[in-house]
Amino acid sequence: MFLELEPIFNNIGEKLEFDYELDLSGIDIATYYPLPTPVRVKGGVFNRAGVVTLLADTSFTYSAPCDLCAQHTEKNLSIPVDHVLVTSLNNEDNDELILVDSLRFNLDELVTEDILLGLPTRHLCKEDCKGVCQYCGKNLNHDSCSCSAPLDPRLAVLRQLLDNNDE
């Protein structure tokens, strides 16, 4: 979505509101984690006392396998978008301001970047997920397993000594 920002930058108190769905189906962050589609983007661009601010909220349902047990998870996420827009920069190293050269701004690129940066780094089906047994692969959230850790062959002689002492 392109925003025409000339009236916003030229008039203090002016605002431009938007509410639309963003399709991110063409972007994958990994094979197993497709980006959500559609994403509801609702907000506005405001000129308050000569400072132009972009404020929006994105909401979507995100699906990914649990990092511990691989069970399918689905969560509703909301990622805020909050930026100050400027038409020129005095200091080229400023990462906090968004430069709008032509007063026509592509909102989709900025929202997509904020969503990618705001996605959780760890996906869990529940906060206390126990994962899977590393030996038999049983999901420990549903059942417990009776596996015991395999004996290190370097310690087999010590195990024999302990077994002989038990007799």
Protein backbone atom coordinates (compact mmCIF):
# COMPACT_ATOMS: atom_id res chain seq x y z
CA MET A 1 0.00 0.00 0.00
CA PHE A 2 1.42 3.35 -1.03
CA LEU A 3 0.68 6.39 1.12
CA GLU A 4 0.65 9.92 -0.31
CA LEU A 5 2.29 11.87 2.53
CA GLU A 6 2.60 15.37 1.05
CA PRO A 7 -0.55 16.67 2.83
CA ILE A 8 0.66 15.14 6.11
CA PHE A 9 4.13 16.72 5.99
CA ASN A 10 2.77 20.13 4.87
CA ASN A 11 -0.08 20.50 7.39
CA ILE A 12 0.33 20.34 11.17
CA GLY A 13 -2.54 18.38 12.72
CA GLU A 14 -3.23 16.43 9.53
CA LYS A 15 -3.70 12.65 9.71
CA LEU A 16 -4.11 9.76 7.31
CA GLU A 17 -5.67 6.57 8.65
CA PHE A 18 -5.55 3.12 7.06
CA ASP A 19 -7.00 -0.32 7.67
CA TYR A 20 -6.17 -3.10 5.24
CA GLU A 21 -4.99 -6.69 4.86
CA LEU A 22 -1.40 -7.38 3.86
CA ASP A 23 -0.67 -10.59 1.94
CA LEU A 24 2.68 -12.12 2.94
CA SER A 25 2.17 -15.47 1.22
CA GLY A 26 5.12 -14.94 -1.12
CA ILE A 27 7.66 -14.59 1.70
CA ASP A 28 8.97 -17.59 3.67
CA ILE A 29 11.41 -17.18 6.54
CA ALA A 30 12.15 -20.90 6.52
CA THR A 31 10.76 -24.03 4.92
CA TYR A 32 8.62 -24.87 7.93
CA TYR A 33 7.62 -21.35 8.95
CA PRO A 34 5.56 -19.64 6.26
CA LEU A 35 4.61 -16.11 7.15
CA PRO A 36 1.03 -15.55 8.17
CA THR A 37 -1.52 -14.51 5.65
CA PRO A 38 -3.46 -12.29 5.73
CA VAL A 39 -2.15 -9.73 8.21
CA ARG A 40 -4.55 -7.04 9.41
CA VAL A 41 -2.79 -3.64 9.48
CA LYS A 42 -4.62 -0.80 11.18
CA GLY A 43 -3.25 2.61 12.11
CA GLY A 44 -2.37 6.01 10.77
CA VAL A 45 0.20 8.66 9.96
CA PHE A 46 -0.06 11.78 12.12
CA ASN A 47 1.59 15.22 12.02
CA ARG A 48 1.74 16.50 15.58
CA ALA A 49 3.63 19.75 16.06
CA GLY A 50 5.61 19.14 12.88
CA VAL A 51 6.68 15.58 13.82
CA VAL A 52 5.25 12.97 11.45
CA THR A 53 4.64 9.66 13.20
CA LEU A 54 3.48 6.33 11.79
CA LEU A 55 1.56 4.27 14.36
CA ALA A 56 -0.06 0.96 13.46
CA ASP A 57 -0.88 -2.43 14.87
CA THR A 58 -0.61 -5.70 13.00
CA SER A 59 -2.61 -8.74 14.03
CA PHE A 60 -2.45 -12.24 12.61
CA THR A 61 -2.46 -15.93 13.43
CA TYR A 62 0.97 -17.54 13.27
CA SER A 63 1.49 -21.29 12.80
CA ALA A 64 4.70 -23.18 13.48
CA PRO A 65 5.79 -26.52 14.96
CA CYS A 66 6.81 -26.51 18.62
CA ASP A 67 10.60 -26.31 18.97
CA LEU A 68 10.64 -29.01 21.67
CA CYS A 69 8.00 -31.57 20.66
CA ALA A 70 7.22 -30.67 17.00
CA GLN A 71 3.48 -30.43 17.74
CA HIS A 72 1.64 -27.91 15.54
CA THR A 73 1.16 -24.57 17.34
CA GLU A 74 -1.05 -21.68 16.36
CA LYS A 75 -0.94 -18.33 18.17
CA ASN A 76 -2.59 -14.98 17.68
CA LEU A 77 0.10 -12.31 17.55
CA SER A 78 -0.01 -8.55 17.53
CA ILE A 79 3.09 -6.58 16.54
CA PRO A 80 3.14 -2.80 16.88
CA VAL A 81 4.57 -0.53 14.18
CA ASP A 82 5.86 2.81 15.51
CA HIS A 83 8.19 5.05 13.47
CA VAL A 84 9.02 8.71 12.96
CA LEU A 85 9.07 9.75 9.29
CA VAL A 86 11.33 12.52 7.93
CA THR A 87 11.97 14.03 4.50
CA SER A 88 15.70 14.57 5.07
CA LEU A 89 18.44 13.39 7.42
CA ASN A 90 21.29 15.47 8.80
CA ASN A 91 23.04 12.47 10.30
CA GLU A 92 23.14 9.55 7.87
CA ASP A 93 23.78 7.01 10.68
CA ASN A 94 20.37 7.48 12.31
CA ASP A 95 18.45 4.18 12.37
CA GLU A 96 15.53 5.54 14.37
CA LEU A 97 14.10 7.74 11.62
CA ILE A 98 12.54 6.55 8.36
CA LEU A 99 13.50 8.63 5.33
CA VAL A 100 10.65 9.42 2.92
CA ASP A 101 12.29 10.85 -0.21
CA SER A 102 9.41 11.42 -2.59
CA LEU A 103 6.54 11.92 -0.10
CA ARG A 104 5.10 8.69 -1.49
CA PHE A 105 5.75 5.87 0.95
CA ASN A 106 5.49 2.07 0.54
CA LEU A 107 3.96 0.98 3.85
CA ASP A 108 4.05 -2.75 3.03
CA GLU A 109 7.87 -2.95 3.10
CA LEU A 110 8.12 -1.33 6.53
CA VAL A 111 5.31 -3.42 8.03
CA THR A 112 6.80 -6.64 6.62
CA GLU A 113 10.20 -5.78 8.14
CA ASP A 114 8.64 -5.04 11.55
CA ILE A 115 6.72 -8.33 11.45
CA LEU A 116 9.89 -10.29 10.62
CA LEU A 117 11.76 -8.61 13.47
CA GLY A 118 8.85 -9.09 15.88
CA LEU A 119 8.21 -12.79 15.34
CA PRO A 120 9.05 -14.97 18.34
CA THR A 121 12.41 -16.70 18.19
CA ARG A 122 11.15 -19.74 20.07
CA HIS A 123 7.88 -21.50 19.26
CA LEU A 124 6.40 -23.58 22.09
CA CYS A 125 3.05 -25.39 22.18
CA LYS A 126 2.81 -24.39 25.87
CA GLU A 127 5.17 -22.70 28.29
CA ASP A 128 5.95 -25.91 30.23
CA CYS A 129 6.46 -28.16 27.19
CA LYS A 130 8.54 -31.22 28.13
CA GLY A 131 9.58 -32.06 24.58
CA VAL A 132 10.36 -35.57 23.37
CA CYS A 133 12.53 -38.31 24.84
CA GLN A 134 15.94 -38.13 23.24
CA TYR A 135 16.22 -41.94 23.18
CA CYS A 136 12.81 -43.27 22.11
CA GLY A 137 11.18 -40.12 20.67
CA LYS A 138 8.01 -40.34 22.80
CA ASN A 139 6.22 -37.02 23.39
CA LEU A 140 6.71 -36.42 27.12
CA ASN A 141 3.71 -34.08 27.28
CA HIS A 142 1.36 -37.04 26.71
CA ASP A 143 3.16 -39.97 28.38
CA SER A 144 6.27 -40.65 30.37
CA CYS A 145 8.80 -43.11 29.04
CA SER A 146 10.80 -45.76 30.81
CA CYS A 147 13.98 -45.20 28.83
CA SER A 148 17.25 -45.09 30.60
CA ALA A 149 20.30 -43.36 29.28
CA PRO A 150 22.60 -45.75 27.43
CA LEU A 151 25.72 -46.65 29.35
CA ASP A 152 28.92 -45.01 28.19
CA PRO A 153 31.18 -47.89 27.04
CA ARG A 154 34.10 -46.25 28.82
CA LEU A 155 32.28 -46.73 32.12
CA ALA A 156 31.23 -50.36 31.51
CA VAL A 157 34.02 -51.67 33.77
CA LEU A 158 32.80 -49.51 36.65
CA ARG A 159 29.26 -50.80 36.10
CA GLN A 160 30.55 -54.37 36.37
CA LEU A 161 32.26 -53.50 39.67
CA LEU A 162 29.04 -52.05 41.06
CA ASP A 163 27.06 -55.08 39.91
CA ASN A 164 29.61 -57.43 41.55
CA ASN A 165 29.38 -55.50 44.86
CA ASP A 166 25.59 -55.88 44.86
CA GLU A 167 25.88 -59.68 44.80
